Amino acid sequence: ESSYRFERGVDLDGVLPALDRAAA
């Protein structure tokens, strides 16, 4: 599921919001 999304391009500006959400 991860590679499927990386292959299609993820949001460069979404890296930090997702990190904070998961940490919380």
PDB file of all heavy atoms in Angstrom:
ATOM      1  N   GLU A   1       0.835  -1.201   0.000  1.00  0.00           N
ATOM      2  CA  GLU A   1       0.000   0.000   0.000  1.00  0.00           C
ATOM      3  C   GLU A   1       0.870   1.251   0.000  1.00  0.00           C
ATOM      4  O   GLU A   1       0.529   2.260  -0.613  1.00  0.00           O
ATOM      5  CB  GLU A   1      -0.917  -0.007   1.225  1.00  0.00           C
ATOM      6  CG  GLU A   1      -2.009  -1.062   1.194  1.00  0.00           C
ATOM      7  CD  GLU A   1      -3.111  -0.735   0.213  1.00  0.00           C
ATOM      8  OE1 GLU A   1      -3.269   0.446  -0.153  1.00  0.00           O
ATOM      9  OE2 GLU A   1      -3.826  -1.664  -0.192  1.00  0.00           O
ATOM     10  N   SER A   2       2.015   1.190   0.671  1.00  0.00           N
ATOM     11  CA  SER A   2       2.919   2.345   0.715  1.00  0.00           C
ATOM     12  C   SER A   2       3.542   2.606  -0.644  1.00  0.00           C
ATOM     13  O   SER A   2       3.524   3.740  -1.150  1.00  0.00           O
ATOM     14  CB  SER A   2       4.020   2.111   1.753  1.00  0.00           C
ATOM     15  OG  SER A   2       3.487   2.075   3.057  1.00  0.00           O
ATOM     16  N   SER A   3       4.113   1.560  -1.264  1.00  0.00           N
ATOM     17  CA  SER A   3       4.767   1.766  -2.556  1.00  0.00           C
ATOM     18  C   SER A   3       3.759   2.199  -3.608  1.00  0.00           C
ATOM     19  O   SER A   3       4.078   2.985  -4.507  1.00  0.00           O
ATOM     20  CB  SER A   3       5.490   0.490  -2.999  1.00  0.00           C
ATOM     21  OG  SER A   3       4.587  -0.566  -3.232  1.00  0.00           O
ATOM     22  N   TYR A   4       2.531   1.692  -3.511  1.00  0.00           N
ATOM     23  CA  TYR A   4       1.478   2.080  -4.457  1.00  0.00           C
ATOM     24  C   TYR A   4       1.267   3.592  -4.437  1.00  0.00           C
ATOM     25  O   TYR A   4       1.075   4.218  -5.484  1.00  0.00           O
ATOM     26  CB  TYR A   4       0.190   1.350  -4.084  1.00  0.00           C
ATOM     27  CG  TYR A   4      -0.978   1.592  -5.009  1.00  0.00           C
ATOM     28  CD1 TYR A   4      -1.000   1.047  -6.290  1.00  0.00           C
ATOM     29  CD2 TYR A   4      -2.068   2.363  -4.608  1.00  0.00           C
ATOM     30  CE1 TYR A   4      -2.078   1.259  -7.136  1.00  0.00           C
ATOM     31  CE2 TYR A   4      -3.141   2.578  -5.444  1.00  0.00           C
ATOM     32  CZ  TYR A   4      -3.151   2.018  -6.705  1.00  0.00           C
ATOM     33  OH  TYR A   4      -4.217   2.238  -7.543  1.00  0.00           O
ATOM     34  N   ARG A   5       1.332   4.186  -3.259  1.00  0.00           N
ATOM     35  CA  ARG A   5       1.140   5.635  -3.143  1.00  0.00           C
ATOM     36  C   ARG A   5       2.397   6.409  -3.537  1.00  0.00           C
ATOM     37  O   ARG A   5       2.315   7.433  -4.209  1.00  0.00           O
ATOM     38  CB  ARG A   5       0.695   5.982  -1.722  1.00  0.00           C
ATOM     39  CG  ARG A   5      -0.758   5.601  -1.480  1.00  0.00           C
ATOM     40  CD  ARG A   5      -1.121   5.536  -0.005  1.00  0.00           C
ATOM     41  NE  ARG A   5      -2.557   5.301   0.141  1.00  0.00           N
ATOM     42  CZ  ARG A   5      -3.142   4.118   0.012  1.00  0.00           C
ATOM     43  NH1 ARG A   5      -2.405   3.052  -0.264  1.00  0.00           N
ATOM     44  NH2 ARG A   5      -4.449   3.987   0.147  1.00  0.00           N
ATOM     45  N   PHE A   6       3.568   5.939  -3.112  1.00  0.00           N
ATOM     46  CA  PHE A   6       4.796   6.623  -3.498  1.00  0.00           C
ATOM     47  C   PHE A   6       4.985   6.623  -5.013  1.00  0.00           C
ATOM     48  O   PHE A   6       5.467   7.600  -5.580  1.00  0.00           O
ATOM     49  CB  PHE A   6       6.006   5.957  -2.833  1.00  0.00           C
ATOM     50  CG  PHE A   6       6.254   6.390  -1.418  1.00  0.00           C
ATOM     51  CD1 PHE A   6       6.347   5.457  -0.397  1.00  0.00           C
ATOM     52  CD2 PHE A   6       6.396   7.732  -1.101  1.00  0.00           C
ATOM     53  CE1 PHE A   6       6.586   5.846   0.911  1.00  0.00           C
ATOM     54  CE2 PHE A   6       6.630   8.143   0.211  1.00  0.00           C
ATOM     55  CZ  PHE A   6       6.727   7.193   1.214  1.00  0.00           C
ATOM     56  N   GLU A   7       4.602   5.537  -5.673  1.00  0.00           N
ATOM     57  CA  GLU A   7       4.767   5.452  -7.122  1.00  0.00           C
ATOM     58  C   GLU A   7       3.916   6.492  -7.847  1.00  0.00           C
ATOM     59  O   GLU A   7       4.248   6.895  -8.968  1.00  0.00           O
ATOM     60  CB  GLU A   7       4.378   4.053  -7.609  1.00  0.00           C
ATOM     61  CG  GLU A   7       5.388   2.980  -7.231  1.00  0.00           C
ATOM     62  CD  GLU A   7       4.892   1.585  -7.590  1.00  0.00           C
ATOM     63  OE1 GLU A   7       3.881   1.480  -8.327  1.00  0.00           O
ATOM     64  OE2 GLU A   7       5.509   0.602  -7.149  1.00  0.00           O
ATOM     65  N   ARG A   8       2.821   6.923  -7.240  1.00  0.00           N
ATOM     66  CA  ARG A   8       1.934   7.895  -7.861  1.00  0.00           C
ATOM     67  C   ARG A   8       2.180   9.309  -7.379  1.00  0.00           C
ATOM     68  O   ARG A   8       1.567  10.246  -7.853  1.00  0.00           O
ATOM     69  CB  ARG A   8       0.478   7.479  -7.627  1.00  0.00           C
ATOM     70  CG  ARG A   8       0.063   6.356  -8.562  1.00  0.00           C
ATOM     71  CD  ARG A   8      -1.010   5.462  -7.982  1.00  0.00           C
ATOM     72  NE  ARG A   8      -1.303   4.386  -8.929  1.00  0.00           N
ATOM     73  CZ  ARG A   8      -0.552   3.310  -9.112  1.00  0.00           C
ATOM     74  NH1 ARG A   8       0.557   3.163  -8.404  1.00  0.00           N
ATOM     75  NH2 ARG A   8      -0.897   2.387  -9.994  1.00  0.00           N
ATOM     76  N   GLY A   9       3.089   9.454  -6.443  1.00  0.00           N
ATOM     77  CA  GLY A   9       3.474  10.777  -5.969  1.00  0.00           C
ATOM     78  C   GLY A   9       2.674  11.219  -4.764  1.00  0.00           C
ATOM     79  O   GLY A   9       1.447  11.316  -4.834  1.00  0.00           O
ATOM     80  N   VAL A  10       3.344  11.455  -3.643  1.00  0.00           N
ATOM     81  CA  VAL A  10       2.675  11.948  -2.447  1.00  0.00           C
ATOM     82  C   VAL A  10       2.936  13.450  -2.312  1.00  0.00           C
ATOM     83  O   VAL A  10       3.777  14.021  -3.001  1.00  0.00           O
ATOM     84  CB  VAL A  10       3.139  11.190  -1.189  1.00  0.00           C
ATOM     85  CG1 VAL A  10       2.835   9.703  -1.314  1.00  0.00           C
ATOM     86  CG2 VAL A  10       4.622  11.411  -0.928  1.00  0.00           C
ATOM     87  N   ASP A  11       2.204  14.063  -1.421  1.00  0.00           N
ATOM     88  CA  ASP A  11       2.272  15.516  -1.217  1.00  0.00           C
ATOM     89  C   ASP A  11       3.509  15.869  -0.389  1.00  0.00           C
ATOM     90  O   ASP A  11       3.630  15.454   0.764  1.00  0.00           O
ATOM     91  CB  ASP A  11       0.993  15.971  -0.519  1.00  0.00           C
ATOM     92  CG  ASP A  11       0.953  17.466  -0.265  1.00  0.00           C
ATOM     93  OD1 ASP A  11       1.837  18.185  -0.779  1.00  0.00           O
ATOM     94  OD2 ASP A  11       0.026  17.908   0.439  1.00  0.00           O
ATOM     95  N   LEU A  12       4.400  16.629  -0.967  1.00  0.00           N
ATOM     96  CA  LEU A  12       5.616  17.036  -0.268  1.00  0.00           C
ATOM     97  C   LEU A  12       5.286  17.850   0.981  1.00  0.00           C
ATOM     98  O   LEU A  12       5.977  17.763   2.003  1.00  0.00           O
ATOM     99  CB  LEU A  12       6.511  17.842  -1.217  1.00  0.00           C
ATOM    100  CG  LEU A  12       7.954  18.082  -0.794  1.00  0.00           C
ATOM    101  CD1 LEU A  12       8.692  16.768  -0.575  1.00  0.00           C
ATOM    102  CD2 LEU A  12       8.673  18.919  -1.836  1.00  0.00           C
ATOM    103  N   ASP A  13       4.222  18.650   0.913  1.00  0.00           N
ATOM    104  CA  ASP A  13       3.825  19.452   2.069  1.00  0.00           C
ATOM    105  C   ASP A  13       2.990  18.656   3.073  1.00  0.00           C
ATOM    106  O   ASP A  13       2.647  19.185   4.136  1.00  0.00           O
ATOM    107  CB  ASP A  13       3.025  20.677   1.615  1.00  0.00           C
ATOM    108  CG  ASP A  13       3.900  21.713   0.923  1.00  0.00           C
ATOM    109  OD1 ASP A  13       5.137  21.534   0.917  1.00  0.00           O
ATOM    110  OD2 ASP A  13       3.363  22.684   0.366  1.00  0.00           O
ATOM    111  N   GLY A  14       2.657  17.416   2.732  1.00  0.00           N
ATOM    112  CA  GLY A  14       1.871  16.593   3.648  1.00  0.00           C
ATOM    113  C   GLY A  14       2.706  15.708   4.536  1.00  0.00           C
ATOM    114  O   GLY A  14       2.164  14.979   5.383  1.00  0.00           O
ATOM    115  N   VAL A  15       4.031  15.755   4.379  1.00  0.00           N
ATOM    116  CA  VAL A  15       4.920  14.891   5.150  1.00  0.00           C
ATOM    117  C   VAL A  15       4.811  15.175   6.649  1.00  0.00           C
ATOM    118  O   VAL A  15       4.630  14.258   7.462  1.00  0.00           O
ATOM    119  CB  VAL A  15       6.376  15.050   4.660  1.00  0.00           C
ATOM    120  CG1 VAL A  15       7.353  14.375   5.616  1.00  0.00           C
ATOM    121  CG2 VAL A  15       6.531  14.491   3.250  1.00  0.00           C
ATOM    122  N   LEU A  16       4.919  16.434   7.036  1.00  0.00           N
ATOM    123  CA  LEU A  16       4.887  16.779   8.463  1.00  0.00           C
ATOM    124  C   LEU A  16       3.510  16.613   9.102  1.00  0.00           C
ATOM    125  O   LEU A  16       3.413  16.071  10.209  1.00  0.00           O
ATOM    126  CB  LEU A  16       5.394  18.203   8.677  1.00  0.00           C
ATOM    127  CG  LEU A  16       6.915  18.395   8.655  1.00  0.00           C
ATOM    128  CD1 LEU A  16       7.276  19.838   8.951  1.00  0.00           C
ATOM    129  CD2 LEU A  16       7.596  17.479   9.660  1.00  0.00           C
ATOM    130  N   PRO A  17       2.404  17.067   8.467  1.00  0.00           N
ATOM    131  CA  PRO A  17       1.089  16.860   9.098  1.00  0.00           C
ATOM    132  C   PRO A  17       0.776  15.398   9.375  1.00  0.00           C
ATOM    133  O   PRO A  17       0.221  15.067  10.422  1.00  0.00           O
ATOM    134  CB  PRO A  17       0.114  17.461   8.069  1.00  0.00           C
ATOM    135  CG  PRO A  17       0.921  18.484   7.347  1.00  0.00           C
ATOM    136  CD  PRO A  17       2.299  17.914   7.261  1.00  0.00           C
ATOM    137  N   ALA A  18       1.149  14.506   8.456  1.00  0.00           N
ATOM    138  CA  ALA A  18       0.907  13.080   8.681  1.00  0.00           C
ATOM    139  C   ALA A  18       1.771  12.552   9.826  1.00  0.00           C
ATOM    140  O   ALA A  18       1.311  11.738  10.638  1.00  0.00           O
ATOM    141  CB  ALA A  18       1.186  12.299   7.397  1.00  0.00           C
ATOM    142  N   LEU A  19       3.016  13.014   9.906  1.00  0.00           N
ATOM    143  CA  LEU A  19       3.911  12.598  10.985  1.00  0.00           C
ATOM    144  C   LEU A  19       3.342  13.000  12.339  1.00  0.00           C
ATOM    145  O   LEU A  19       3.323  12.202  13.294  1.00  0.00           O
ATOM    146  CB  LEU A  19       5.292  13.223  10.777  1.00  0.00           C
ATOM    147  CG  LEU A  19       6.374  12.883  11.796  1.00  0.00           C
ATOM    148  CD1 LEU A  19       6.765  11.416  11.693  1.00  0.00           C
ATOM    149  CD2 LEU A  19       7.599  13.778  11.599  1.00  0.00           C
ATOM    150  N   ASP A  20       2.867  14.237  12.446  1.00  0.00           N
ATOM    151  CA  ASP A  20       2.304  14.710  13.710  1.00  0.00           C
ATOM    152  C   ASP A  20       1.022  13.962  14.072  1.00  0.00           C
ATOM    153  O   ASP A  20       0.782  13.637  15.240  1.00  0.00           O
ATOM    154  CB  ASP A  20       2.025  16.216  13.623  1.00  0.00           C
ATOM    155  CG  ASP A  20       3.297  17.040  13.627  1.00  0.00           C
ATOM    156  OD1 ASP A  20       4.374  16.481  13.925  1.00  0.00           O
ATOM    157  OD2 ASP A  20       3.224  18.240  13.310  1.00  0.00           O
ATOM    158  N   ARG A  21       0.187  13.698  13.075  1.00  0.00           N
ATOM    159  CA  ARG A  21      -1.063  12.973  13.324  1.00  0.00           C
ATOM    160  C   ARG A  21      -0.771  11.574  13.874  1.00  0.00           C
ATOM    161  O   ARG A  21      -1.383  11.130  14.837  1.00  0.00           O
ATOM    162  CB  ARG A  21      -1.851  12.887  12.026  1.00  0.00           C
ATOM    163  CG  ARG A  21      -3.064  11.956  12.042  1.00  0.00           C
ATOM    164  CD  ARG A  21      -4.185  12.488  12.885  1.00  0.00           C
ATOM    165  NE  ARG A  21      -5.425  11.805  12.573  1.00  0.00           N
ATOM    166  CZ  ARG A  21      -6.378  11.553  13.445  1.00  0.00           C
ATOM    167  NH1 ARG A  21      -6.241  11.951  14.705  1.00  0.00           N
ATOM    168  NH2 ARG A  21      -7.490  10.932  13.100  1.00  0.00           N
ATOM    169  N   ALA A  22       0.184  10.884  13.274  1.00  0.00           N
ATOM    170  CA  ALA A  22       0.520   9.533  13.713  1.00  0.00           C
ATOM    171  C   ALA A  22       1.148   9.552  15.110  1.00  0.00           C
ATOM    172  O   ALA A  22       0.838   8.698  15.946  1.00  0.00           O
ATOM    173  CB  ALA A  22       1.462   8.870  12.719  1.00  0.00           C
ATOM    174  N   ALA A  23       2.026  10.514  15.374  1.00  0.00           N
ATOM    175  CA  ALA A  23       2.645  10.612  16.694  1.00  0.00           C
ATOM    176  C   ALA A  23       1.597  10.847  17.772  1.00  0.00           C
ATOM    177  O   ALA A  23       1.655  10.247  18.864  1.00  0.00           O
ATOM    178  CB  ALA A  23       3.688  11.730  16.701  1.00  0.00           C
ATOM    179  N   ALA A  24       0.623  11.712  17.480  1.00  0.00           N
ATOM    180  CA  ALA A  24      -0.437  11.988  18.450  1.00  0.00           C
ATOM    181  C   ALA A  24      -1.260  10.734  18.729  1.00  0.00           C
ATOM    182  O   ALA A  24      -1.618  10.453  19.884  1.00  0.00           O
ATOM    183  CB  ALA A  24      -1.331  13.111  17.927  1.00  0.00           C
TER     184      ALA A  24
END
